[in-house]
Each structure stands twice: as structure tokens, then as C-alpha cells.
Amino acid sequence: MSPAFTGVRVRRMTPADLDRVMEIAESLKEAPQWPRAAFERALDPKAQPRRIAVVAEGIAKTEGRFPEVLPSGAEAPVDSAGLMRGLKPPPPSGSSSSASSAAGEGGEVVGFAVASLLPPEAELETIAVASTAQRHGLARRLFAELAAEIGAAQITEVFLEVRASNQPALGLYRRLGFTETGCRVRYYHDPVEDAVLMRLRIGAIDPTSPGKKRL
């Protein structure tokens, strides 16, 4: 089933988005099940370390198809992936995406992504897309915005960890250009499971098309 939108914009997450963000997270098995207070802390510009939190917002559908949201020839990845991590707060607002699009302009939030800035690195904590909007490249679109903002903060490398059994997430991160760098044995609980460690050099990719090398 195609989602009921004709376009998607990516912008900074705001407090008005939290009900929908939590609804999406709760509907996805692999998404982070953070309490509301943790998401609120993620939007606190005074907290440290800084954090980037963005959402994908669908534009109301007027035609019978979903728009093209990937670069020409790009493959749409599986879009549901979450990391159970402690929250770290966001950087101050004012990104290009938030300037060009305010919350609530006739759209519905269909996905979100969060990264913590830990100079000279950043941690990708989660990318989650509503089940009704998956397989349309929204995870790639969300990560492109994160990559651009992370690069603007003079950070050159992003790391993450994910359950070894989470094949959709592993496939997504590989498509985004991440490579496996190690394993933390029995890192996760409920159930006990290894964590796969992955890294990506932001300076080595084109942020407008994650997974592709710069020319």
C-alpha cells in the first residue's frame, strides 16, 4: 500500500512532533522504546552532548502515487531500524531543513532519526520509519540530512551499534555506506545478544546520496 503523501520534507524535530514520534517508535519492534521525558531531553539545546534530531514529514496526497525521494538510480532500502541507546541531547536549532519547513505545515510525521555529537565523532542512535511509509527511501533521506549537519559540525566519522540479529537494520546501514568494525559479545539483554559495531567516514561520502563516495 502506498502512503497517502505526494512529497516528503525533512526538518528538525520539535516538541509538537513527540506524540507522533513515540507512536511510530512504539509500533516498530526494532525502534528505540524511549520514554517521553528522554525525547524531551533530546530537544533541549542546553544539554550536553549536543544532538541532532530530525523528522520526515509527509505532504498531503493529491495524486495516486508517492513521490520520488531517492537520487536517480538509487535503491530504496528497508527503512525500519532502531538502536536501544541512552539519549544524548541535540545541537541548537537553526538547520537549513528547519528554516525551510516549519512543523505542522499540513503534513504528518512518518519517520525520525537521531544522532549525538561526540567530537570528533557522532553516534547514529536511530532511524525509524512508520510501517506504512517504508520502502520509499525515507531512511536514506533522513540520514542525508543528518550527514549534512554532522559534516557542518566538523565531525568526520559516525559510529553505531546494532543487534546482530537485526538484519533489516544491518542491510540499511550497509546501504548507507557503514562498514562493520567489531562486535561486543552479549552486549544486549532481553534477549541476550551480541552488538555489531559499524562506522562511516562522513568526509568520504556524498551526503546528498549516502552510501556513494565523493568524486
Protein backbone atom coordinates (compact mmCIF):
# COMPACT_ATOMS: atom_id res chain seq x y z
CA MET A 1 0.00 0.00 0.00
CA SER A 2 1.34 3.45 -0.92
CA PRO A 3 1.37 6.10 1.84
CA ALA A 4 -1.09 8.99 1.48
CA PHE A 5 1.50 11.64 0.63
CA THR A 6 2.77 13.34 -2.52
CA GLY A 7 6.01 14.64 -1.03
CA VAL A 8 8.29 14.49 1.97
CA ARG A 9 10.26 17.18 3.74
CA VAL A 10 12.96 16.58 6.35
CA ARG A 11 13.23 19.08 9.18
CA ARG A 12 14.31 19.39 12.81
CA MET A 13 12.17 17.58 15.37
CA THR A 14 10.08 19.83 17.64
CA PRO A 15 8.08 19.21 20.85
CA ALA A 16 4.91 19.19 18.75
CA ASP A 17 6.20 16.06 16.98
CA LEU A 18 6.71 13.94 20.10
CA ASP A 19 3.30 12.26 20.23
CA ARG A 20 3.71 11.04 16.65
CA VAL A 21 7.38 10.14 17.10
CA MET A 22 6.51 7.98 20.10
CA GLU A 23 3.61 6.40 18.21
CA ILE A 24 5.96 5.38 15.39
CA ALA A 25 8.57 4.05 17.82
CA GLU A 26 6.01 2.02 19.74
CA SER A 27 4.69 0.47 16.52
CA LEU A 28 8.10 -0.82 15.43
CA LYS A 29 9.73 -3.76 17.16
CA GLU A 30 13.28 -2.60 16.41
CA ALA A 31 12.75 1.10 17.15
CA PRO A 32 14.02 2.64 20.42
CA GLN A 33 11.41 2.48 23.17
CA TRP A 34 12.46 5.66 24.93
CA PRO A 35 10.17 7.37 27.46
CA ARG A 36 8.72 10.75 26.56
CA ALA A 37 10.98 12.52 29.04
CA ALA A 38 14.00 11.18 27.18
CA PHE A 39 12.74 12.53 23.86
CA GLU A 40 12.09 15.88 25.56
CA ARG A 41 15.67 15.96 26.81
CA ALA A 42 16.81 15.24 23.26
CA LEU A 43 15.27 18.56 22.20
CA ASP A 44 16.94 20.58 24.96
CA PRO A 45 19.50 22.86 23.27
CA LYS A 46 21.33 23.45 26.56
CA ALA A 47 22.02 19.81 27.34
CA GLN A 48 25.33 18.11 26.55
CA PRO A 49 26.45 16.41 24.43
CA ARG A 50 24.63 18.05 21.56
CA ARG A 51 22.16 16.11 19.46
CA ILE A 52 20.61 16.30 16.01
CA ALA A 53 17.02 15.03 15.83
CA VAL A 54 15.11 15.22 12.56
CA VAL A 55 11.76 14.04 11.24
CA ALA A 56 10.40 13.19 7.80
CA GLU A 57 7.06 14.87 7.26
CA GLY A 58 4.68 13.73 4.53
CA ILE A 59 2.79 16.25 2.41
CA ALA A 60 -0.92 15.51 1.93
CA LYS A 61 -1.70 13.27 -1.03
CA THR A 62 -3.42 14.81 -4.04
CA GLU A 63 -2.50 12.27 -6.68
CA GLY A 64 -2.36 8.49 -6.79
CA ARG A 65 1.36 7.98 -6.36
CA PHE A 66 4.16 8.55 -3.89
CA PRO A 67 6.90 10.98 -4.99
CA GLU A 68 10.43 10.09 -5.93
CA VAL A 69 12.58 10.71 -2.85
CA LEU A 70 15.81 8.97 -3.84
CA PRO A 71 18.56 10.14 -6.18
CA SER A 72 18.12 8.78 -9.68
CA GLY A 73 19.05 5.11 -9.85
CA ALA A 74 19.32 4.68 -6.08
CA GLU A 75 17.89 1.60 -4.43
CA ALA A 76 15.21 2.08 -1.77
CA PRO A 77 16.40 0.43 1.44
CA VAL A 78 14.45 -1.25 4.18
CA ASP A 79 13.53 1.69 6.37
CA SER A 80 12.91 0.38 9.87
CA ALA A 81 15.89 0.35 12.20
CA GLY A 82 16.32 1.36 15.84
CA LEU A 83 19.11 1.33 18.40
CA MET A 84 18.39 0.95 22.11
CA ARG A 85 20.74 3.63 23.41
CA GLY A 86 20.75 6.25 26.17
CA LEU A 87 19.60 9.62 24.90
CA LYS A 88 22.05 12.44 24.36
CA PRO A 89 20.70 15.95 23.70
CA PRO A 90 20.57 17.83 20.38
CA PRO A 91 22.51 20.77 18.96
CA PRO A 92 20.82 24.18 18.85
CA SER A 93 18.09 24.61 16.28
CA GLY A 94 18.62 26.53 13.07
CA SER A 95 19.47 23.96 10.44
CA SER A 96 18.62 24.54 6.80
CA SER A 97 15.86 21.96 6.97
CA SER A 98 14.13 23.62 9.93
CA ALA A 99 14.43 27.03 8.28
CA SER A 100 12.80 25.87 5.08
CA SER A 101 9.98 23.95 6.73
CA ALA A 102 8.14 24.60 9.96
CA ALA A 103 6.37 21.91 11.93
CA GLY A 104 2.74 21.31 11.24
CA GLU A 105 2.51 22.71 7.70
CA GLY A 106 -0.18 20.28 6.60
CA GLY A 107 1.91 17.12 6.90
CA GLU A 108 2.22 14.03 9.10
CA VAL A 109 5.47 12.81 10.59
CA VAL A 110 6.32 9.44 9.04
CA GLY A 111 9.84 8.89 10.35
CA PHE A 112 12.61 10.24 12.55
CA ALA A 113 16.34 9.96 13.11
CA VAL A 114 18.63 10.95 15.96
CA ALA A 115 22.39 11.38 16.25
CA SER A 116 24.57 12.51 19.16
CA LEU A 117 27.59 14.72 18.52
CA LEU A 118 30.66 13.46 20.35
CA PRO A 119 33.51 15.34 18.62
CA PRO A 120 35.42 14.22 16.68
CA GLU A 121 32.75 11.54 16.21
CA ALA A 122 28.99 11.25 16.15
CA GLU A 123 26.76 8.34 17.13
CA LEU A 124 23.80 7.39 14.96
CA GLU A 125 21.29 6.23 17.56
CA THR A 126 18.21 5.51 15.48
CA ILE A 127 16.46 5.76 12.15
CA ALA A 128 12.78 4.74 12.28
CA VAL A 129 10.10 4.97 9.58
CA ALA A 130 6.40 4.20 10.01
CA SER A 131 5.46 0.82 8.52
CA THR A 132 3.02 2.45 6.08
CA ALA A 133 5.79 4.63 4.63
CA GLN A 134 8.65 2.12 4.39
CA ARG A 135 10.50 1.15 1.19
CA HIS A 136 10.31 4.64 -0.29
CA GLY A 137 13.84 5.77 0.60
CA LEU A 138 12.87 7.79 3.67
CA ALA A 139 15.63 6.32 5.86
CA ARG A 140 18.15 7.39 3.22
CA ARG A 141 16.57 10.84 3.11
CA LEU A 142 16.70 11.18 6.90
CA PHE A 143 20.33 10.07 7.04
CA ALA A 144 21.28 12.51 4.28
CA GLU A 145 20.08 15.38 6.45
CA LEU A 146 21.93 14.04 9.47
CA ALA A 147 25.11 13.56 7.44
CA ALA A 148 24.95 17.14 6.17
CA GLU A 149 24.52 18.56 9.66
CA ILE A 150 27.13 16.28 11.18
CA GLY A 151 29.60 17.34 8.49
CA ALA A 152 28.79 21.01 9.14
CA ALA A 153 29.74 20.43 12.78
CA GLN A 154 33.25 19.42 11.63
CA ILE A 155 32.67 15.77 12.56
CA THR A 156 34.06 13.28 10.09
CA GLU A 157 33.07 9.88 11.41
CA VAL A 158 29.80 8.29 12.56
CA PHE A 159 29.54 5.08 14.57
CA LEU A 160 26.65 2.89 15.73
CA GLU A 161 25.87 -0.46 17.28
CA VAL A 162 23.02 -2.79 16.39
CA ARG A 163 21.77 -6.23 17.40
CA ALA A 164 23.42 -8.99 15.40
CA SER A 165 20.00 -10.45 14.55
CA ASN A 166 18.60 -7.17 13.22
CA GLN A 167 19.07 -7.94 9.54
CA PRO A 168 16.86 -5.08 8.24
CA ALA A 169 18.96 -2.56 10.18
CA LEU A 170 22.25 -4.15 9.12
CA GLY A 171 21.15 -4.08 5.49
CA LEU A 172 20.09 -0.45 5.76
CA TYR A 173 23.35 0.65 7.36
CA ARG A 174 25.41 -1.18 4.74
CA ARG A 175 23.44 0.58 2.01
CA LEU A 176 24.19 3.89 3.70
CA GLY A 177 27.91 3.06 3.48
CA PHE A 178 28.67 1.82 7.01
CA THR A 179 31.20 -0.97 7.44
CA GLU A 180 31.45 -3.45 10.32
CA THR A 181 34.36 -2.80 12.67
CA GLY A 182 33.83 -5.18 15.57
CA CYS A 183 31.49 -6.97 17.93
CA ARG A 184 30.52 -6.60 21.60
CA VAL A 185 29.71 -10.07 22.89
CA ARG A 186 26.46 -10.42 24.85
CA TYR A 187 26.04 -6.64 24.88
CA TYR A 188 22.24 -6.58 24.68
CA HIS A 189 19.74 -8.03 27.14
CA ASP A 190 16.14 -9.26 26.83
CA PRO A 191 17.24 -11.23 24.91
CA VAL A 192 20.98 -11.50 25.42
CA GLU A 193 22.70 -10.86 22.10
CA ASP A 194 25.89 -9.54 20.51
CA ALA A 195 26.15 -5.99 19.21
CA VAL A 196 27.63 -5.35 15.76
CA LEU A 197 29.78 -2.19 15.65
CA MET A 198 29.77 -0.13 12.44
CA ARG A 199 31.45 3.07 11.24
CA LEU A 200 31.25 5.53 8.37
CA ARG A 201 33.53 8.40 7.40
CA ILE A 202 31.27 11.34 6.57
CA GLY A 203 34.02 13.11 4.64
CA ALA A 204 34.31 10.12 2.31
CA ILE A 205 30.67 10.15 1.14
CA ASP A 206 28.32 12.43 -0.72
CA PRO A 207 25.76 13.49 1.96
CA THR A 208 23.12 14.01 -0.74
CA SER A 209 23.43 10.33 -1.66
CA PRO A 210 24.55 8.30 1.37
CA GLY A 211 26.49 5.20 0.51
CA LYS A 212 28.18 6.78 -2.52
CA LYS A 213 31.76 8.02 -2.47
CA ARG A 214 32.58 11.63 -3.20
CA LEU A 215 34.12 12.21 -6.62
